[in-house]
Amino acid sequence: MPAGRANQPARLRPLCDFARMAAELQRVPLAQDAVFRPPTVLGKAELGRLRKQPPPGQALEGALDGLFGQPDGPALARLAVQDKDPRVAVAAVRAAAVLAERHPRLYAFLPTLDARTSVELAQAIVQFDFATGCDTPVHFALDALHHPDARVVAMAAHGALDLAEATTASAPLNRTVQWLADAKGSPALRVAIARRLGNAGFVQLLPLWQRLAADRDLAVAAEAQVAAARLSPAAARGWVKAAMADRSPWRQITALRAAPLAYAFDPDALSGHLARLCASSAFWRDAANGAPVRVADVCARVSALLRAEAVDAMPINPSTSSKKARSR
């Protein structure tokens, strides 16, 4: 689980129960719900004018914010999010996200998110769904994991990981893990999500990393190996030393990243490998973002970590600590 802030436990919250919220809303007659009340003639006329041309110097989304702030704003938002003009629908969905906190029935009128949804509109819908903080909208937001555009998939995947770090919900994380295991996403995004999941250190994901260590994408396999080393460092010692001796820069860098985990108690065992790699001129392009990564730079950071006082050499109790201090 997430470690939380320094000296503070992680305070996870549950997602809100959308079904229960919807059941409570059923007690409110539609005629009394601001979302369903017919908007005024003036309000509809203003919406029509704005959709054709927003005020000079003002973005459409800002203009809609002002319109939705009026008494019949929720009803106007219901109309605007379904507009056939994608430009209007995107601006309306973004502007209505805040309004939906007080009027959750707006959620029922969001456009359908599928493979044909434009990138901007899909991103706006995902943002809206996650902003509700409720289980059902978040579930539908994760349909974006199957969108053909990597930008939409990235928003959904990172949103699910944000929730995993802040809530007790497991379903969004599970769907993202399944997406990663299915190997259907863009290579760069799979690497980025695998790295973030690995850094989170979720113990229950060890079987995933053991499986992905044989992934056909070598960069994903590398992330899986490092993630597995975080959870089971003793099991990583063999391949870390072997990979350090490999001629491939990506294998060397993968081994270096896992080295502080696997050899924290025995840093001297790597001294020969580190001396060679820290003098290397080789580099590898990070598959997540394309940035060049020098083997020597990674080696220098790893060496600094391993030079720190070993865990088993630290004083066990205050009396031992004071004796060591006096002996120095």
C-alpha atoms as a PDB file:
ATOM      1  CA  MET A   1       0.000   0.000   0.000  1.00  0.00           C
ATOM      2  CA  PRO A   2       1.126   3.611  -0.442  1.00  0.00           C
ATOM      3  CA  ALA A   3       3.473   4.799   2.289  1.00  0.00           C
ATOM      4  CA  GLY A   4       1.761   8.139   2.845  1.00  0.00           C
ATOM      5  CA  ARG A   5       3.615  11.261   3.922  1.00  0.00           C
ATOM      6  CA  ALA A   6       6.680  11.108   6.143  1.00  0.00           C
ATOM      7  CA  ASN A   7       5.754   9.920   9.634  1.00  0.00           C
ATOM      8  CA  GLN A   8       2.096   9.719   8.647  1.00  0.00           C
ATOM      9  CA  PRO A   9       0.144   6.620   7.605  1.00  0.00           C
ATOM     10  CA  ALA A  10      -1.643   6.648   4.273  1.00  0.00           C
ATOM     11  CA  ARG A  11      -5.261   7.715   4.780  1.00  0.00           C
ATOM     12  CA  LEU A  12      -7.220   5.925   2.110  1.00  0.00           C
ATOM     13  CA  ARG A  13     -10.831   6.799   1.390  1.00  0.00           C
ATOM     14  CA  PRO A  14     -13.508   4.679  -0.301  1.00  0.00           C
ATOM     15  CA  LEU A  15     -15.067   5.716  -3.589  1.00  0.00           C
ATOM     16  CA  CYS A  16     -18.609   6.948  -3.176  1.00  0.00           C
ATOM     17  CA  ASP A  17     -21.422   4.481  -3.849  1.00  0.00           C
ATOM     18  CA  PHE A  18     -23.053   5.815  -7.006  1.00  0.00           C
ATOM     19  CA  ALA A  19     -25.907   3.297  -6.913  1.00  0.00           C
ATOM     20  CA  ARG A  20     -26.904   4.410  -3.418  1.00  0.00           C
ATOM     21  CA  MET A  21     -26.664   8.043  -4.470  1.00  0.00           C
ATOM     22  CA  ALA A  22     -28.896   7.338  -7.481  1.00  0.00           C
ATOM     23  CA  ALA A  23     -31.437   5.569  -5.279  1.00  0.00           C
ATOM     24  CA  GLU A  24     -31.592   8.556  -2.952  1.00  0.00           C
ATOM     25  CA  LEU A  25     -32.056  10.867  -5.934  1.00  0.00           C
ATOM     26  CA  GLN A  26     -35.080   8.861  -7.036  1.00  0.00           C
ATOM     27  CA  ARG A  27     -36.943  10.326  -4.057  1.00  0.00           C
ATOM     28  CA  VAL A  28     -36.693  13.755  -5.656  1.00  0.00           C
ATOM     29  CA  PRO A  29     -39.423  14.206  -8.310  1.00  0.00           C
ATOM     30  CA  LEU A  30     -38.012  15.031 -11.736  1.00  0.00           C
ATOM     31  CA  ALA A  31     -40.015  18.254 -11.805  1.00  0.00           C
ATOM     32  CA  GLN A  32     -38.082  19.437  -8.728  1.00  0.00           C
ATOM     33  CA  ASP A  33     -34.659  18.431 -10.007  1.00  0.00           C
ATOM     34  CA  ALA A  34     -32.739  21.345 -11.525  1.00  0.00           C
ATOM     35  CA  VAL A  35     -31.279  19.062 -14.204  1.00  0.00           C
ATOM     36  CA  PHE A  36     -34.695  18.092 -15.565  1.00  0.00           C
ATOM     37  CA  ARG A  37     -36.556  21.379 -15.226  1.00  0.00           C
ATOM     38  CA  PRO A  38     -37.037  23.020 -18.648  1.00  0.00           C
ATOM     39  CA  PRO A  39     -34.582  25.900 -19.072  1.00  0.00           C
ATOM     40  CA  THR A  40     -35.901  29.388 -19.653  1.00  0.00           C
ATOM     41  CA  VAL A  41     -36.378  30.685 -23.163  1.00  0.00           C
ATOM     42  CA  LEU A  42     -33.686  33.297 -22.556  1.00  0.00           C
ATOM     43  CA  GLY A  43     -31.291  30.652 -21.284  1.00  0.00           C
ATOM     44  CA  LYS A  44     -31.759  28.450 -24.338  1.00  0.00           C
ATOM     45  CA  ALA A  45     -31.316  31.442 -26.603  1.00  0.00           C
ATOM     46  CA  GLU A  46     -28.072  32.392 -24.868  1.00  0.00           C
ATOM     47  CA  LEU A  47     -26.790  28.821 -25.201  1.00  0.00           C
ATOM     48  CA  GLY A  48     -27.621  28.895 -28.908  1.00  0.00           C
ATOM     49  CA  ARG A  49     -25.789  32.186 -29.325  1.00  0.00           C
ATOM     50  CA  LEU A  50     -22.709  30.993 -27.461  1.00  0.00           C
ATOM     51  CA  ARG A  51     -22.476  27.758 -29.448  1.00  0.00           C
ATOM     52  CA  LYS A  52     -22.311  29.801 -32.635  1.00  0.00           C
ATOM     53  CA  GLN A  53     -19.864  32.405 -31.401  1.00  0.00           C
ATOM     54  CA  PRO A  54     -18.482  32.972 -27.894  1.00  0.00           C
ATOM     55  CA  PRO A  55     -17.847  36.546 -26.702  1.00  0.00           C
ATOM     56  CA  PRO A  56     -14.723  38.180 -28.202  1.00  0.00           C
ATOM     57  CA  GLY A  57     -11.597  37.310 -26.252  1.00  0.00           C
ATOM     58  CA  GLN A  58     -13.340  34.623 -24.183  1.00  0.00           C
ATOM     59  CA  ALA A  59     -13.058  30.873 -24.592  1.00  0.00           C
ATOM     60  CA  LEU A  60     -16.246  28.877 -25.080  1.00  0.00           C
ATOM     61  CA  GLU A  61     -15.660  26.910 -21.874  1.00  0.00           C
ATOM     62  CA  GLY A  62     -15.395  30.088 -19.823  1.00  0.00           C
ATOM     63  CA  ALA A  63     -18.549  31.472 -21.395  1.00  0.00           C
ATOM     64  CA  LEU A  64     -20.412  28.259 -20.603  1.00  0.00           C
ATOM     65  CA  ASP A  65     -19.200  28.391 -16.984  1.00  0.00           C
ATOM     66  CA  GLY A  66     -20.951  31.714 -16.605  1.00  0.00           C
ATOM     67  CA  LEU A  67     -24.112  30.390 -18.262  1.00  0.00           C
ATOM     68  CA  PHE A  68     -24.205  27.261 -16.121  1.00  0.00           C
ATOM     69  CA  GLY A  69     -23.903  29.405 -12.999  1.00  0.00           C
ATOM     70  CA  GLN A  70     -27.429  30.716 -13.580  1.00  0.00           C
ATOM     71  CA  PRO A  71     -30.471  29.122 -11.879  1.00  0.00           C
ATOM     72  CA  ASP A  72     -31.311  27.061 -14.966  1.00  0.00           C
ATOM     73  CA  GLY A  73     -27.643  26.178 -15.527  1.00  0.00           C
ATOM     74  CA  PRO A  74     -28.001  22.432 -14.738  1.00  0.00           C
ATOM     75  CA  ALA A  75     -30.760  22.056 -17.343  1.00  0.00           C
ATOM     76  CA  LEU A  76     -28.695  23.971 -19.909  1.00  0.00           C
ATOM     77  CA  ALA A  77     -25.718  21.756 -19.146  1.00  0.00           C
ATOM     78  CA  ARG A  78     -27.903  18.695 -19.803  1.00  0.00           C
ATOM     79  CA  LEU A  79     -28.541  20.031 -23.304  1.00  0.00           C
ATOM     80  CA  ALA A  80     -25.004  21.220 -23.983  1.00  0.00           C
ATOM     81  CA  VAL A  81     -23.154  17.984 -23.148  1.00  0.00           C
ATOM     82  CA  GLN A  82     -25.205  16.242 -25.828  1.00  0.00           C
ATOM     83  CA  ASP A  83     -24.539  18.877 -28.499  1.00  0.00           C
ATOM     84  CA  LYS A  84     -23.739  17.494 -31.958  1.00  0.00           C
ATOM     85  CA  ASP A  85     -20.931  20.017 -32.354  1.00  0.00           C
ATOM     86  CA  PRO A  86     -17.894  18.261 -30.775  1.00  0.00           C
ATOM     87  CA  ARG A  87     -16.380  21.627 -29.882  1.00  0.00           C
ATOM     88  CA  VAL A  88     -19.452  22.545 -27.852  1.00  0.00           C
ATOM     89  CA  ALA A  89     -19.785  19.088 -26.291  1.00  0.00           C
ATOM     90  CA  VAL A  90     -16.147  19.103 -25.129  1.00  0.00           C
ATOM     91  CA  ALA A  91     -16.438  22.554 -23.560  1.00  0.00           C
ATOM     92  CA  ALA A  92     -19.758  21.641 -21.951  1.00  0.00           C
ATOM     93  CA  VAL A  93     -18.499  18.376 -20.439  1.00  0.00           C
ATOM     94  CA  ARG A  94     -15.479  20.142 -18.966  1.00  0.00           C
ATOM     95  CA  ALA A  95     -17.565  22.987 -17.585  1.00  0.00           C
ATOM     96  CA  ALA A  96     -20.247  20.644 -16.238  1.00  0.00           C
ATOM     97  CA  ALA A  97     -17.794  18.522 -14.221  1.00  0.00           C
ATOM     98  CA  VAL A  98     -17.885  20.949 -11.271  1.00  0.00           C
ATOM     99  CA  LEU A  99     -21.629  21.452 -11.604  1.00  0.00           C
ATOM    100  CA  ALA A 100     -22.195  17.690 -11.363  1.00  0.00           C
ATOM    101  CA  GLU A 101     -20.885  17.656  -7.784  1.00  0.00           C
ATOM    102  CA  ARG A 102     -24.158  19.286  -6.754  1.00  0.00           C
ATOM    103  CA  HIS A 103     -26.273  17.766  -9.530  1.00  0.00           C
ATOM    104  CA  PRO A 104     -25.078  14.151 -10.055  1.00  0.00           C
ATOM    105  CA  ARG A 105     -27.946  13.351 -12.399  1.00  0.00           C
ATOM    106  CA  LEU A 106     -25.961  15.209 -15.056  1.00  0.00           C
ATOM    107  CA  TYR A 107     -23.763  12.131 -15.260  1.00  0.00           C
ATOM    108  CA  ALA A 108     -26.575  10.210 -16.989  1.00  0.00           C
ATOM    109  CA  PHE A 109     -26.418  12.586 -19.965  1.00  0.00           C
ATOM    110  CA  LEU A 110     -22.725  12.276 -20.786  1.00  0.00           C
ATOM    111  CA  PRO A 111     -21.981  11.194 -24.362  1.00  0.00           C
ATOM    112  CA  THR A 112     -21.026   7.556 -24.843  1.00  0.00           C
ATOM    113  CA  LEU A 113     -17.290   6.889 -24.728  1.00  0.00           C
ATOM    114  CA  ASP A 114     -16.194   4.356 -27.343  1.00  0.00           C
ATOM    115  CA  ALA A 115     -13.538   3.906 -30.007  1.00  0.00           C
ATOM    116  CA  ARG A 116     -15.217   6.482 -32.247  1.00  0.00           C
ATOM    117  CA  THR A 117     -15.235   9.259 -29.636  1.00  0.00           C
ATOM    118  CA  SER A 118     -12.879  12.095 -30.541  1.00  0.00           C
ATOM    119  CA  VAL A 119      -9.728  12.446 -28.457  1.00  0.00           C
ATOM    120  CA  GLU A 120     -10.726  15.752 -26.846  1.00  0.00           C
ATOM    121  CA  LEU A 121     -14.228  14.601 -25.999  1.00  0.00           C
ATOM    122  CA  ALA A 122     -12.990  11.247 -24.657  1.00  0.00           C
ATOM    123  CA  GLN A 123     -10.469  13.017 -22.412  1.00  0.00           C
ATOM    124  CA  ALA A 124     -13.155  15.387 -21.151  1.00  0.00           C
ATOM    125  CA  ILE A 125     -15.467  12.451 -20.338  1.00  0.00           C
ATOM    126  CA  VAL A 126     -12.697  10.584 -18.494  1.00  0.00           C
ATOM    127  CA  GLN A 127     -11.877  13.723 -16.510  1.00  0.00           C
ATOM    128  CA  PHE A 128     -15.571  14.180 -15.671  1.00  0.00           C
ATOM    129  CA  ASP A 129     -15.967  10.538 -14.572  1.00  0.00           C
ATOM    130  CA  PHE A 130     -12.940  10.573 -12.281  1.00  0.00           C
ATOM    131  CA  ALA A 131     -13.982  13.923 -10.823  1.00  0.00           C
ATOM    132  CA  THR A 132     -17.188  12.338  -9.481  1.00  0.00           C
ATOM    133  CA  GLY A 133     -15.157  10.184  -7.082  1.00  0.00           C
ATOM    134  CA  CYS A 134     -17.797   7.456  -7.459  1.00  0.00           C
ATOM    135  CA  ASP A 135     -17.445   3.811  -8.379  1.00  0.00           C
ATOM    136  CA  THR A 136     -19.788   3.556 -11.373  1.00  0.00           C
ATOM    137  CA  PRO A 137     -18.512   6.616 -13.294  1.00  0.00           C
ATOM    138  CA  VAL A 138     -14.923   5.512 -12.692  1.00  0.00           C
ATOM    139  CA  HIS A 139     -15.808   2.053 -14.041  1.00  0.00           C
ATOM    140  CA  PHE A 140     -17.095   3.610 -17.254  1.00  0.00           C
ATOM    141  CA  ALA A 141     -14.084   5.925 -17.478  1.00  0.00           C
ATOM    142  CA  LEU A 142     -11.865   2.849 -17.688  1.00  0.00           C
ATOM    143  CA  ASP A 143     -13.568   1.885 -20.945  1.00  0.00           C
ATOM    144  CA  ALA A 144     -11.116   4.443 -22.302  1.00  0.00           C
ATOM    145  CA  LEU A 145      -8.357   1.847 -21.840  1.00  0.00           C
ATOM    146  CA  HIS A 146      -9.562   0.423 -25.158  1.00  0.00           C
ATOM    147  CA  HIS A 147      -9.598   3.738 -27.024  1.00  0.00           C
ATOM    148  CA  PRO A 148      -7.349   3.781 -30.125  1.00  0.00           C
ATOM    149  CA  ASP A 149      -5.544   6.960 -29.050  1.00  0.00           C
ATOM    150  CA  ALA A 150      -2.754   6.551 -26.487  1.00  0.00           C
ATOM    151  CA  ARG A 151      -3.468   9.972 -24.951  1.00  0.00           C
ATOM    152  CA  VAL A 152      -6.934   8.854 -23.898  1.00  0.00           C
ATOM    153  CA  VAL A 153      -5.646   5.511 -22.616  1.00  0.00           C
ATOM    154  CA  ALA A 154      -2.937   7.302 -20.633  1.00  0.00           C
ATOM    155  CA  MET A 155      -5.466   9.549 -18.909  1.00  0.00           C
ATOM    156  CA  ALA A 156      -7.558   6.549 -17.852  1.00  0.00           C
ATOM    157  CA  ALA A 157      -4.593   4.438 -16.731  1.00  0.00           C
ATOM    158  CA  HIS A 158      -2.931   7.186 -14.717  1.00  0.00           C
ATOM    159  CA  GLY A 159      -6.307   8.128 -13.245  1.00  0.00           C
ATOM    160  CA  ALA A 160      -6.749   4.562 -12.021  1.00  0.00           C
ATOM    161  CA  LEU A 161      -3.297   4.588 -10.417  1.00  0.00           C
ATOM    162  CA  ASP A 162      -4.055   7.915  -8.743  1.00  0.00           C
ATOM    163  CA  LEU A 163      -7.127   6.288  -7.216  1.00  0.00           C
ATOM    164  CA  ALA A 164      -5.121   3.263  -6.093  1.00  0.00           C
ATOM    165  CA  GLU A 165      -2.834   5.581  -4.139  1.00  0.00           C
ATOM    166  CA  ALA A 166      -5.670   7.546  -2.527  1.00  0.00           C
ATOM    167  CA  THR A 167      -8.625   5.169  -2.088  1.00  0.00           C
ATOM    168  CA  THR A 168      -9.510   1.677  -0.927  1.00  0.00           C
ATOM    169  CA  ALA A 169     -10.920   0.811  -4.374  1.00  0.00           C
ATOM    170  CA  SER A 170      -9.250  -2.132  -6.115  1.00  0.00           C
ATOM    171  CA  ALA A 171     -11.388  -2.546  -9.252  1.00  0.00           C
ATOM    172  CA  PRO A 172      -9.815   0.388 -11.189  1.00  0.00           C
ATOM    173  CA  LEU A 173      -6.325  -0.891 -10.377  1.00  0.00           C
ATOM    174  CA  ASN A 174      -7.280  -4.428 -11.388  1.00  0.00           C
ATOM    175  CA  ARG A 175      -8.560  -3.280 -14.768  1.00  0.00           C
ATOM    176  CA  THR A 176      -5.375  -1.326 -15.409  1.00  0.00           C
ATOM    177  CA  VAL A 177      -3.263  -4.319 -14.416  1.00  0.00           C
ATOM    178  CA  GLN A 178      -5.260  -6.485 -16.825  1.00  0.00           C
ATOM    179  CA  TRP A 179      -4.745  -3.918 -19.605  1.00  0.00           C
ATOM    180  CA  LEU A 180      -1.008  -4.024 -18.959  1.00  0.00           C
ATOM    181  CA  ALA A 181      -0.956  -7.824 -18.957  1.00  0.00           C
ATOM    182  CA  ASP A 182      -2.972  -8.028 -22.204  1.00  0.00           C
ATOM    183  CA  ALA A 183      -0.161  -6.192 -24.056  1.00  0.00           C
ATOM    184  CA  LYS A 184      -2.555  -4.256 -26.300  1.00  0.00           C
ATOM    185  CA  GLY A 185      -1.484  -0.707 -25.451  1.00  0.00           C
ATOM    186  CA  SER A 186       1.210   1.439 -26.999  1.00  0.00           C
ATOM    187  CA  PRO A 187       4.725   0.262 -26.027  1.00  0.00           C
ATOM    188  CA  ALA A 188       5.762   3.596 -24.492  1.00  0.00           C
ATOM    189  CA  LEU A 189       2.632   3.813 -22.352  1.00  0.00           C
ATOM    190  CA  ARG A 190       2.934   0.203 -21.187  1.00  0.00           C
ATOM    191  CA  VAL A 191       6.468   0.952 -20.016  1.00  0.00           C
ATOM    192  CA  ALA A 192       5.368   4.113 -18.215  1.00  0.00           C
ATOM    193  CA  ILE A 193       2.483   2.377 -16.429  1.00  0.00           C
ATOM    194  CA  ALA A 194       4.621  -0.652 -15.554  1.00  0.00           C
ATOM    195  CA  ARG A 195       7.250   1.670 -14.063  1.00  0.00           C
ATOM    196  CA  ARG A 196       4.718   3.559 -11.994  1.00  0.00           C
ATOM    197  CA  LEU A 197       3.070   0.348 -10.773  1.00  0.00           C
ATOM    198  CA  GLY A 198       6.452  -1.122  -9.952  1.00  0.00           C
ATOM    199  CA  ASN A 199       7.494   1.940  -7.977  1.00  0.00           C
ATOM    200  CA  ALA A 200       4.256   1.723  -5.969  1.00  0.00           C
ATOM    201  CA  GLY A 201       5.405  -1.644  -4.611  1.00  0.00           C
ATOM    202  CA  PHE A 202       2.034  -3.394  -4.438  1.00  0.00           C
ATOM    203  CA  VAL A 203       2.879  -6.802  -2.944  1.00  0.00           C
ATOM    204  CA  GLN A 204      -0.048  -8.541  -4.633  1.00  0.00           C
ATOM    205  CA  LEU A 205       1.406  -7.747  -8.076  1.00  0.00           C
ATOM    206  CA  LEU A 206       4.439 -10.035  -7.775  1.00  0.00           C
ATOM    207  CA  PRO A 207       2.777 -12.713 -10.010  1.00  0.00           C
ATOM    208  CA  LEU A 208       2.209 -10.011 -12.645  1.00  0.00           C
ATOM    209  CA  TRP A 209       5.861  -9.024 -12.666  1.00  0.00           C
ATOM    210  CA  GLN A 210       6.968 -12.652 -12.847  1.00  0.00           C
ATOM    211  CA  ARG A 211       4.745 -13.082 -15.893  1.00  0.00           C
ATOM    212  CA  LEU A 212       5.764  -9.831 -17.589  1.00  0.00           C
ATOM    213  CA  ALA A 213       9.465 -10.595 -17.103  1.00  0.00           C
ATOM    214  CA  ALA A 214       9.004 -12.708 -20.258  1.00  0.00           C
ATOM    215  CA  ASP A 215       7.004 -10.034 -22.136  1.00  0.00           C
ATOM    216  CA  ARG A 216       7.794  -9.750 -25.842  1.00  0.00           C
ATOM    217  CA  ASP A 217       8.478  -6.038 -25.318  1.00  0.00           C
ATOM    218  CA  LEU A 218      11.948  -5.974 -23.801  1.00  0.00           C
ATOM    219  CA  ALA A 219      11.396  -2.576 -22.171  1.00  0.00           C
ATOM    220  CA  VAL A 220       8.269  -3.843 -20.383  1.00  0.00           C
ATOM    221  CA  ALA A 221      10.164  -6.968 -19.352  1.00  0.00           C
ATOM    222  CA  ALA A 222      12.883  -4.744 -17.882  1.00  0.00           C
ATOM    223  CA  GLU A 223      10.349  -2.812 -15.801  1.00  0.00           C
ATOM    224  CA  ALA A 224       8.861  -6.106 -14.610  1.00  0.00           C
ATOM    225  CA  GLN A 225      12.269  -7.370 -13.510  1.00  0.00           C
ATOM    226  CA  VAL A 226      12.979  -4.210 -11.516  1.00  0.00           C
ATOM    227  CA  ALA A 227       9.491  -4.294  -9.964  1.00  0.00           C
ATOM    228  CA  ALA A 228       9.936  -7.946  -8.971  1.00  0.00           C
ATOM    229  CA  ALA A 229      13.312  -7.100  -7.417  1.00  0.00           C
ATOM    230  CA  ARG A 230      11.597  -4.506  -5.249  1.00  0.00           C
ATOM    231  CA  LEU A 231       9.237  -7.150  -3.873  1.00  0.00           C
ATOM    232  CA  SER A 232      11.646 -10.106  -3.796  1.00  0.00           C
ATOM    233  CA  PRO A 233      15.208  -8.763  -3.766  1.00  0.00           C
ATOM    234  CA  ALA A 234      16.935 -12.036  -2.837  1.00  0.00           C
ATOM    235  CA  ALA A 235      15.505 -13.745  -5.922  1.00  0.00           C
ATOM    236  CA  ALA A 236      16.950 -11.023  -8.159  1.00  0.00           C
ATOM    237  CA  ARG A 237      20.595 -11.385  -7.171  1.00  0.00           C
ATOM    238  CA  GLY A 238      21.459 -13.955  -9.826  1.00  0.00           C
ATOM    239  CA  TRP A 239      20.071 -12.151 -12.850  1.00  0.00           C
ATOM    240  CA  VAL A 240      21.299  -8.739 -11.669  1.00  0.00           C
ATOM    241  CA  LYS A 241      24.925  -9.864 -11.668  1.00  0.00           C
ATOM    242  CA  ALA A 242      24.504 -11.703 -14.981  1.00  0.00           C
ATOM    243  CA  ALA A 243      22.845  -8.699 -16.641  1.00  0.00           C
ATOM    244  CA  MET A 244      25.610  -6.373 -15.445  1.00  0.00           C
ATOM    245  CA  ALA A 245      28.031  -8.509 -17.409  1.00  0.00           C
ATOM    246  CA  ASP A 246      25.831  -8.374 -20.527  1.00  0.00           C
ATOM    247  CA  ARG A 247      26.965  -6.216 -23.453  1.00  0.00           C
ATOM    248  CA  SER A 248      23.514  -4.707 -24.043  1.00  0.00           C
ATOM    249  CA  PRO A 249      23.081  -1.213 -22.497  1.00  0.00           C
ATOM    250  CA  TRP A 250      19.407  -1.815 -21.686  1.00  0.00           C
ATOM    251  CA  ARG A 251      20.290  -4.995 -19.816  1.00  0.00           C
ATOM    252  CA  GLN A 252      23.037  -3.178 -17.937  1.00  0.00           C
ATOM    253  CA  ILE A 253      20.724  -0.321 -16.962  1.00  0.00           C
ATOM    254  CA  THR A 254      17.993  -2.736 -15.879  1.00  0.00           C
ATOM    255  CA  ALA A 255      20.472  -4.544 -13.656  1.00  0.00           C
ATOM    256  CA  LEU A 256      21.768  -1.280 -12.223  1.00  0.00           C
ATOM    257  CA  ARG A 257      18.268  -0.152 -11.305  1.00  0.00           C
ATOM    258  CA  ALA A 258      17.664  -3.389  -9.401  1.00  0.00           C
ATOM    259  CA  ALA A 259      21.131  -3.531  -7.832  1.00  0.00           C
ATOM    260  CA  PRO A 260      20.411  -1.337  -4.760  1.00  0.00           C
ATOM    261  CA  LEU A 261      17.492  -3.654  -3.962  1.00  0.00           C
ATOM    262  CA  ALA A 262      19.217  -6.982  -4.558  1.00  0.00           C
ATOM    263  CA  TYR A 263      22.639  -6.121  -3.101  1.00  0.00           C
ATOM    264  CA  ALA A 264      21.841  -3.659  -0.319  1.00  0.00           C
ATOM    265  CA  PHE A 265      23.429  -6.051   2.215  1.00  0.00           C
ATOM    266  CA  ASP A 266      26.379  -7.046   0.035  1.00  0.00           C
ATOM    267  CA  PRO A 267      27.477  -4.051  -2.075  1.00  0.00           C
ATOM    268  CA  ASP A 268      31.097  -5.244  -2.333  1.00  0.00           C
ATOM    269  CA  ALA A 269      29.948  -8.153  -4.494  1.00  0.00           C
ATOM    270  CA  LEU A 270      29.315  -5.705  -7.336  1.00  0.00           C
ATOM    271  CA  SER A 271      32.455  -3.576  -7.067  1.00  0.00           C
ATOM    272  CA  GLY A 272      34.078  -4.968 -10.221  1.00  0.00           C
ATOM    273  CA  HIS A 273      30.937  -4.599 -12.323  1.00  0.00           C
ATOM    274  CA  LEU A 274      30.321  -1.065 -11.054  1.00  0.00           C
ATOM    275  CA  ALA A 275      33.870   0.040 -11.819  1.00  0.00           C
ATOM    276  CA  ARG A 276      33.454  -1.085 -15.437  1.00  0.00           C
ATOM    277  CA  LEU A 277      29.936   0.291 -15.981  1.00  0.00           C
ATOM    278  CA  CYS A 278      30.689   3.650 -14.367  1.00  0.00           C
ATOM    279  CA  ALA A 279      33.358   4.153 -17.048  1.00  0.00           C
ATOM    280  CA  SER A 280      31.033   3.140 -19.895  1.00  0.00           C
ATOM    281  CA  SER A 281      30.174   5.516 -22.735  1.00  0.00           C
ATOM    282  CA  ALA A 282      27.106   3.505 -23.804  1.00  0.00           C
ATOM    283  CA  PHE A 283      23.567   4.818 -23.544  1.00  0.00           C
ATOM    284  CA  TRP A 284      20.010   3.601 -24.068  1.00  0.00           C
ATOM    285  CA  ARG A 285      16.885   5.493 -25.045  1.00  0.00           C
ATOM    286  CA  ASP A 286      14.188   5.288 -22.399  1.00  0.00           C
ATOM    287  CA  ALA A 287      11.265   3.486 -24.000  1.00  0.00           C
ATOM    288  CA  ALA A 288       8.774   5.530 -21.953  1.00  0.00           C
ATOM    289  CA  ASN A 289       9.792   8.959 -23.248  1.00  0.00           C
ATOM    290  CA  GLY A 290      12.638   8.518 -25.731  1.00  0.00           C
ATOM    291  CA  ALA A 291      15.169  10.348 -23.552  1.00  0.00           C
ATOM    292  CA  PRO A 292      18.771   9.103 -23.761  1.00  0.00           C
ATOM    293  CA  VAL A 293      20.020   7.444 -20.560  1.00  0.00           C
ATOM    294  CA  ARG A 294      23.776   6.988 -20.072  1.00  0.00           C
ATOM    295  CA  VAL A 295      24.923   3.793 -18.382  1.00  0.00           C
ATOM    296  CA  ALA A 296      27.615   5.736 -16.505  1.00  0.00           C
ATOM    297  CA  ASP A 297      25.074   8.192 -15.080  1.00  0.00           C
ATOM    298  CA  VAL A 298      22.858   5.407 -13.740  1.00  0.00           C
ATOM    299  CA  CYS A 299      25.925   3.606 -12.411  1.00  0.00           C
ATOM    300  CA  ALA A 300      27.070   6.705 -10.526  1.00  0.00           C
ATOM    301  CA  ARG A 301      23.716   7.043  -8.769  1.00  0.00           C
ATOM    302  CA  VAL A 302      23.619   3.341  -7.916  1.00  0.00           C
ATOM    303  CA  SER A 303      27.172   3.436  -6.564  1.00  0.00           C
ATOM    304  CA  ALA A 304      26.258   6.357  -4.327  1.00  0.00           C
ATOM    305  CA  LEU A 305      23.292   4.406  -2.965  1.00  0.00           C
ATOM    306  CA  LEU A 306      25.324   1.278  -2.339  1.00  0.00           C
ATOM    307  CA  ARG A 307      28.104   3.228  -0.633  1.00  0.00           C
ATOM    308  CA  ALA A 308      25.658   4.293   2.068  1.00  0.00           C
ATOM    309  CA  GLU A 309      26.014   2.418   5.369  1.00  0.00           C
ATOM    310  CA  ALA A 310      24.590  -1.068   4.968  1.00  0.00           C
ATOM    311  CA  VAL A 311      21.384  -1.823   6.854  1.00  0.00           C
ATOM    312  CA  ASP A 312      22.929  -4.647   8.842  1.00  0.00           C
ATOM    313  CA  ALA A 313      25.794  -2.390   9.930  1.00  0.00           C
ATOM    314  CA  MET A 314      23.488   0.143  11.560  1.00  0.00           C
ATOM    315  CA  PRO A 315      23.342   0.176  15.407  1.00  0.00           C
ATOM    316  CA  ILE A 316      20.644  -2.048  16.849  1.00  0.00           C
ATOM    317  CA  ASN A 317      20.074  -0.133  20.090  1.00  0.00           C
ATOM    318  CA  PRO A 318      21.034   3.202  21.651  1.00  0.00           C
ATOM    319  CA  SER A 319      23.759   1.696  23.861  1.00  0.00           C
ATOM    320  CA  THR A 320      25.510   0.213  20.815  1.00  0.00           C
ATOM    321  CA  SER A 321      25.209   3.556  19.073  1.00  0.00           C
ATOM    322  CA  SER A 322      26.822   5.450  21.969  1.00  0.00           C
ATOM    323  CA  LYS A 323      29.727   2.965  22.190  1.00  0.00           C
ATOM    324  CA  LYS A 324      30.436   3.370  18.477  1.00  0.00           C
ATOM    325  CA  ALA A 325      30.297   7.136  18.813  1.00  0.00           C
ATOM    326  CA  ARG A 326      32.830   7.078  21.685  1.00  0.00           C
ATOM    327  CA  SER A 327      35.149   4.709  19.832  1.00  0.00           C
ATOM    328  CA  ARG A 328      35.349   7.127  16.954  1.00  0.00           C
END
